[in-house]
């Protein structure tokens, strides 16, 4: 069984957080940001509705596709973690 999650623009949940501005939460922005500059980290949060995945199912693999808008400096590895 293959389940594809592709929420409409008004159904997705995302935000990014800034290390140097902890009260400045960016949930309404049109872009997500990742920044690796020391003391100015920015991290993205994304939430998916998994109700279409059957209870007790084993997830064998997941693909997440994101696009880069601007890159300032060398490329960096981006990792995904369950929160």
N, C-alpha and C. Protein backbone atom coordinates (compact mmCIF):
# COMPACT_ATOMS: atom_id res chain seq x y z
N UNK A 1 0.85 -1.18 0.00
CA UNK A 1 0.00 0.00 0.00
C UNK A 1 0.89 1.24 0.00
N UNK A 2 0.55 2.20 -0.80
CA UNK A 2 1.29 3.46 -0.87
C UNK A 2 0.34 4.60 -0.51
N UNK A 3 0.73 5.41 0.46
CA UNK A 3 -0.06 6.56 0.86
C UNK A 3 0.72 7.82 0.49
N UNK A 4 0.11 8.70 -0.27
CA UNK A 4 0.75 9.95 -0.66
C UNK A 4 0.09 11.09 0.11
N UNK A 5 0.91 11.86 0.80
CA UNK A 5 0.41 13.02 1.54
C UNK A 5 0.81 14.27 0.77
N UNK A 6 -0.16 14.98 0.27
CA UNK A 6 0.10 16.19 -0.50
C UNK A 6 -0.99 17.21 -0.14
N UNK A 7 -0.87 17.82 1.06
CA UNK A 7 -1.95 18.70 1.52
C UNK A 7 -2.08 19.96 0.67
N UNK A 8 -3.30 20.43 0.58
CA UNK A 8 -3.54 21.71 -0.08
C UNK A 8 -2.90 22.82 0.75
N UNK A 9 -2.69 23.96 0.14
CA UNK A 9 -2.00 25.07 0.80
C UNK A 9 -2.63 25.44 2.14
N UNK A 10 -3.96 25.39 2.24
CA UNK A 10 -4.62 25.77 3.48
C UNK A 10 -4.80 24.61 4.45
N UNK A 11 -4.26 23.43 4.13
CA UNK A 11 -4.39 22.26 5.00
C UNK A 11 -3.07 21.87 5.66
N UNK A 12 -1.97 22.41 5.21
CA UNK A 12 -0.68 22.03 5.77
C UNK A 12 -0.34 22.84 7.02
N UNK A 13 0.58 22.31 7.78
CA UNK A 13 1.04 22.99 8.99
C UNK A 13 2.55 23.12 8.92
N UNK A 14 3.05 24.35 9.00
CA UNK A 14 4.50 24.54 8.98
C UNK A 14 4.84 25.87 9.64
N UNK A 15 6.08 25.98 10.04
CA UNK A 15 6.60 27.20 10.65
C UNK A 15 8.11 27.11 10.67
N UNK A 16 8.76 28.23 10.93
CA UNK A 16 10.18 28.16 11.23
C UNK A 16 10.46 29.02 12.45
N UNK A 17 11.49 28.62 13.19
CA UNK A 17 11.85 29.27 14.44
C UNK A 17 13.24 29.87 14.31
N UNK A 18 13.46 31.00 14.98
CA UNK A 18 14.76 31.67 14.93
C UNK A 18 15.42 31.62 16.30
N UNK A 19 16.67 31.18 16.34
CA UNK A 19 17.40 31.09 17.59
C UNK A 19 17.61 32.46 18.23
N UNK A 20 17.89 33.47 17.42
CA UNK A 20 18.20 34.79 17.96
C UNK A 20 16.95 35.64 18.21
N UNK A 21 15.77 35.13 17.84
CA UNK A 21 14.51 35.84 18.09
C UNK A 21 13.47 34.81 18.51
N UNK A 22 13.60 34.31 19.73
CA UNK A 22 12.79 33.17 20.17
C UNK A 22 11.29 33.44 20.22
N UNK A 23 10.87 34.68 20.32
CA UNK A 23 9.44 35.00 20.33
C UNK A 23 8.89 35.31 18.94
N UNK A 24 9.72 35.24 17.92
CA UNK A 24 9.33 35.55 16.54
C UNK A 24 9.06 34.25 15.79
N UNK A 25 7.84 33.73 15.93
CA UNK A 25 7.48 32.47 15.29
C UNK A 25 6.88 32.76 13.92
N UNK A 26 7.32 32.04 12.93
CA UNK A 26 6.95 32.33 11.55
C UNK A 26 6.02 31.26 10.98
N UNK A 27 4.80 31.21 11.48
CA UNK A 27 3.84 30.23 10.99
C UNK A 27 3.04 30.71 9.80
N UNK A 28 3.00 32.01 9.56
CA UNK A 28 2.19 32.53 8.47
C UNK A 28 2.98 32.90 7.23
N UNK A 29 4.29 32.71 7.26
CA UNK A 29 5.12 33.06 6.10
C UNK A 29 4.88 32.11 4.94
N UNK A 30 5.20 32.55 3.75
CA UNK A 30 5.02 31.72 2.56
C UNK A 30 6.23 30.84 2.28
N UNK A 31 7.28 30.96 3.08
CA UNK A 31 8.46 30.12 2.88
C UNK A 31 8.93 29.57 4.21
N UNK A 32 9.69 28.50 4.13
CA UNK A 32 10.32 27.90 5.30
C UNK A 32 11.81 28.18 5.21
N UNK A 33 12.46 28.37 6.33
CA UNK A 33 13.87 28.74 6.30
C UNK A 33 14.70 27.81 7.17
N UNK A 34 15.93 27.62 6.71
CA UNK A 34 16.94 26.91 7.48
C UNK A 34 18.19 27.77 7.42
N UNK A 35 18.77 28.03 8.57
CA UNK A 35 19.98 28.84 8.63
C UNK A 35 20.97 28.16 9.57
N UNK A 36 22.24 28.14 9.18
CA UNK A 36 23.25 27.44 9.97
C UNK A 36 24.27 28.39 10.59
N UNK A 37 24.06 29.70 10.47
CA UNK A 37 25.00 30.67 11.04
C UNK A 37 25.00 30.57 12.57
N UNK A 38 26.19 30.53 13.15
CA UNK A 38 26.32 30.38 14.59
C UNK A 38 25.54 31.46 15.34
N UNK A 39 24.79 31.05 16.34
CA UNK A 39 23.95 31.90 17.18
C UNK A 39 22.76 32.51 16.45
N UNK A 40 22.53 32.14 15.20
CA UNK A 40 21.38 32.62 14.44
C UNK A 40 20.69 31.48 13.69
N UNK A 41 20.68 30.30 14.30
CA UNK A 41 20.08 29.14 13.66
C UNK A 41 18.60 29.39 13.38
N UNK A 42 18.14 28.86 12.27
CA UNK A 42 16.72 28.86 11.95
C UNK A 42 16.35 27.42 11.61
N UNK A 43 15.28 26.95 12.20
CA UNK A 43 14.85 25.57 11.99
C UNK A 43 13.39 25.55 11.58
N UNK A 44 13.06 24.63 10.70
CA UNK A 44 11.71 24.48 10.16
C UNK A 44 10.97 23.34 10.84
N UNK A 45 9.70 23.55 11.08
CA UNK A 45 8.81 22.51 11.60
C UNK A 45 7.72 22.27 10.57
N UNK A 46 7.43 21.00 10.30
CA UNK A 46 6.38 20.63 9.36
C UNK A 46 5.56 19.52 10.01
N UNK A 47 4.24 19.63 9.95
CA UNK A 47 3.36 18.60 10.52
C UNK A 47 2.48 18.03 9.42
N UNK A 48 2.33 16.73 9.43
CA UNK A 48 1.51 16.04 8.45
C UNK A 48 0.34 15.35 9.13
N UNK A 49 -0.82 15.36 8.51
CA UNK A 49 -1.97 14.59 8.97
C UNK A 49 -1.76 13.16 8.50
N UNK A 50 -1.52 12.26 9.44
CA UNK A 50 -1.24 10.86 9.10
C UNK A 50 -2.46 9.96 9.27
N UNK A 51 -3.64 10.55 9.36
CA UNK A 51 -4.85 9.74 9.59
C UNK A 51 -5.15 8.78 8.44
N UNK A 52 -4.60 9.02 7.27
CA UNK A 52 -4.85 8.11 6.14
C UNK A 52 -3.94 6.88 6.18
N UNK A 53 -2.97 6.87 7.09
CA UNK A 53 -2.10 5.70 7.26
C UNK A 53 -2.79 4.77 8.24
N UNK A 54 -3.04 3.52 7.85
CA UNK A 54 -3.77 2.59 8.73
C UNK A 54 -3.07 2.40 10.07
N UNK A 55 -3.85 2.30 11.12
CA UNK A 55 -3.31 2.06 12.46
C UNK A 55 -2.52 0.76 12.48
N UNK A 56 -1.35 0.78 13.07
CA UNK A 56 -0.52 -0.42 13.14
C UNK A 56 0.32 -0.67 11.90
N UNK A 57 0.21 0.19 10.90
CA UNK A 57 0.97 0.00 9.66
C UNK A 57 2.46 0.22 9.93
N UNK A 58 3.28 -0.48 9.20
CA UNK A 58 4.73 -0.28 9.25
C UNK A 58 5.12 0.61 8.08
N UNK A 59 5.78 1.71 8.38
CA UNK A 59 6.23 2.63 7.33
C UNK A 59 7.61 2.18 6.87
N UNK A 60 7.71 1.76 5.61
CA UNK A 60 8.97 1.25 5.08
C UNK A 60 9.90 2.37 4.60
N UNK A 61 9.33 3.44 4.08
CA UNK A 61 10.16 4.55 3.62
C UNK A 61 9.31 5.80 3.49
N UNK A 62 10.01 6.93 3.47
CA UNK A 62 9.36 8.23 3.33
C UNK A 62 10.24 9.09 2.44
N UNK A 63 9.63 9.81 1.53
CA UNK A 63 10.34 10.80 0.71
C UNK A 63 9.74 12.16 0.99
N UNK A 64 10.59 13.14 1.26
CA UNK A 64 10.16 14.52 1.47
C UNK A 64 10.89 15.38 0.46
N UNK A 65 10.15 16.10 -0.34
CA UNK A 65 10.75 16.94 -1.39
C UNK A 65 10.59 18.41 -1.01
N UNK A 66 11.71 19.11 -0.97
CA UNK A 66 11.72 20.55 -0.71
C UNK A 66 12.58 21.21 -1.78
N UNK A 67 12.35 22.48 -2.02
CA UNK A 67 13.10 23.20 -3.04
C UNK A 67 13.87 24.33 -2.39
N UNK A 68 15.04 24.62 -2.92
CA UNK A 68 15.88 25.70 -2.43
C UNK A 68 15.58 26.96 -3.24
N UNK A 69 15.26 28.04 -2.54
CA UNK A 69 15.00 29.31 -3.21
C UNK A 69 16.29 30.11 -3.35
N UNK A 70 17.02 30.27 -2.25
CA UNK A 70 18.29 30.99 -2.24
C UNK A 70 19.29 30.21 -1.40
N UNK A 71 20.53 30.25 -1.82
CA UNK A 71 21.60 29.59 -1.07
C UNK A 71 22.73 30.59 -0.93
N UNK A 72 23.01 30.99 0.29
CA UNK A 72 24.11 31.91 0.57
C UNK A 72 25.20 31.12 1.27
N UNK A 73 26.29 30.89 0.60
CA UNK A 73 27.37 30.09 1.18
C UNK A 73 27.35 28.68 0.65
N UNK A 74 28.18 27.82 1.24
CA UNK A 74 28.28 26.44 0.74
C UNK A 74 27.02 25.64 1.08
N UNK A 75 26.81 24.58 0.34
CA UNK A 75 25.68 23.68 0.59
C UNK A 75 25.83 23.04 1.95
N UNK A 76 24.72 22.76 2.60
CA UNK A 76 24.72 22.10 3.90
C UNK A 76 23.77 20.91 3.87
N UNK A 77 24.04 19.93 4.70
CA UNK A 77 23.15 18.77 4.82
C UNK A 77 21.96 19.16 5.70
N UNK A 78 20.78 18.77 5.30
CA UNK A 78 19.56 19.02 6.05
C UNK A 78 18.99 17.67 6.47
N UNK A 79 18.70 17.52 7.74
CA UNK A 79 18.16 16.26 8.27
C UNK A 79 16.74 16.45 8.75
N UNK A 80 15.95 15.40 8.73
CA UNK A 80 14.59 15.42 9.23
C UNK A 80 14.53 14.56 10.49
N UNK A 81 13.80 15.05 11.49
CA UNK A 81 13.66 14.34 12.76
C UNK A 81 12.22 14.38 13.21
N UNK A 82 11.76 13.32 13.87
CA UNK A 82 10.44 13.32 14.46
C UNK A 82 10.49 14.13 15.75
N UNK A 83 9.50 14.99 15.94
CA UNK A 83 9.45 15.81 17.15
C UNK A 83 8.25 15.41 17.97
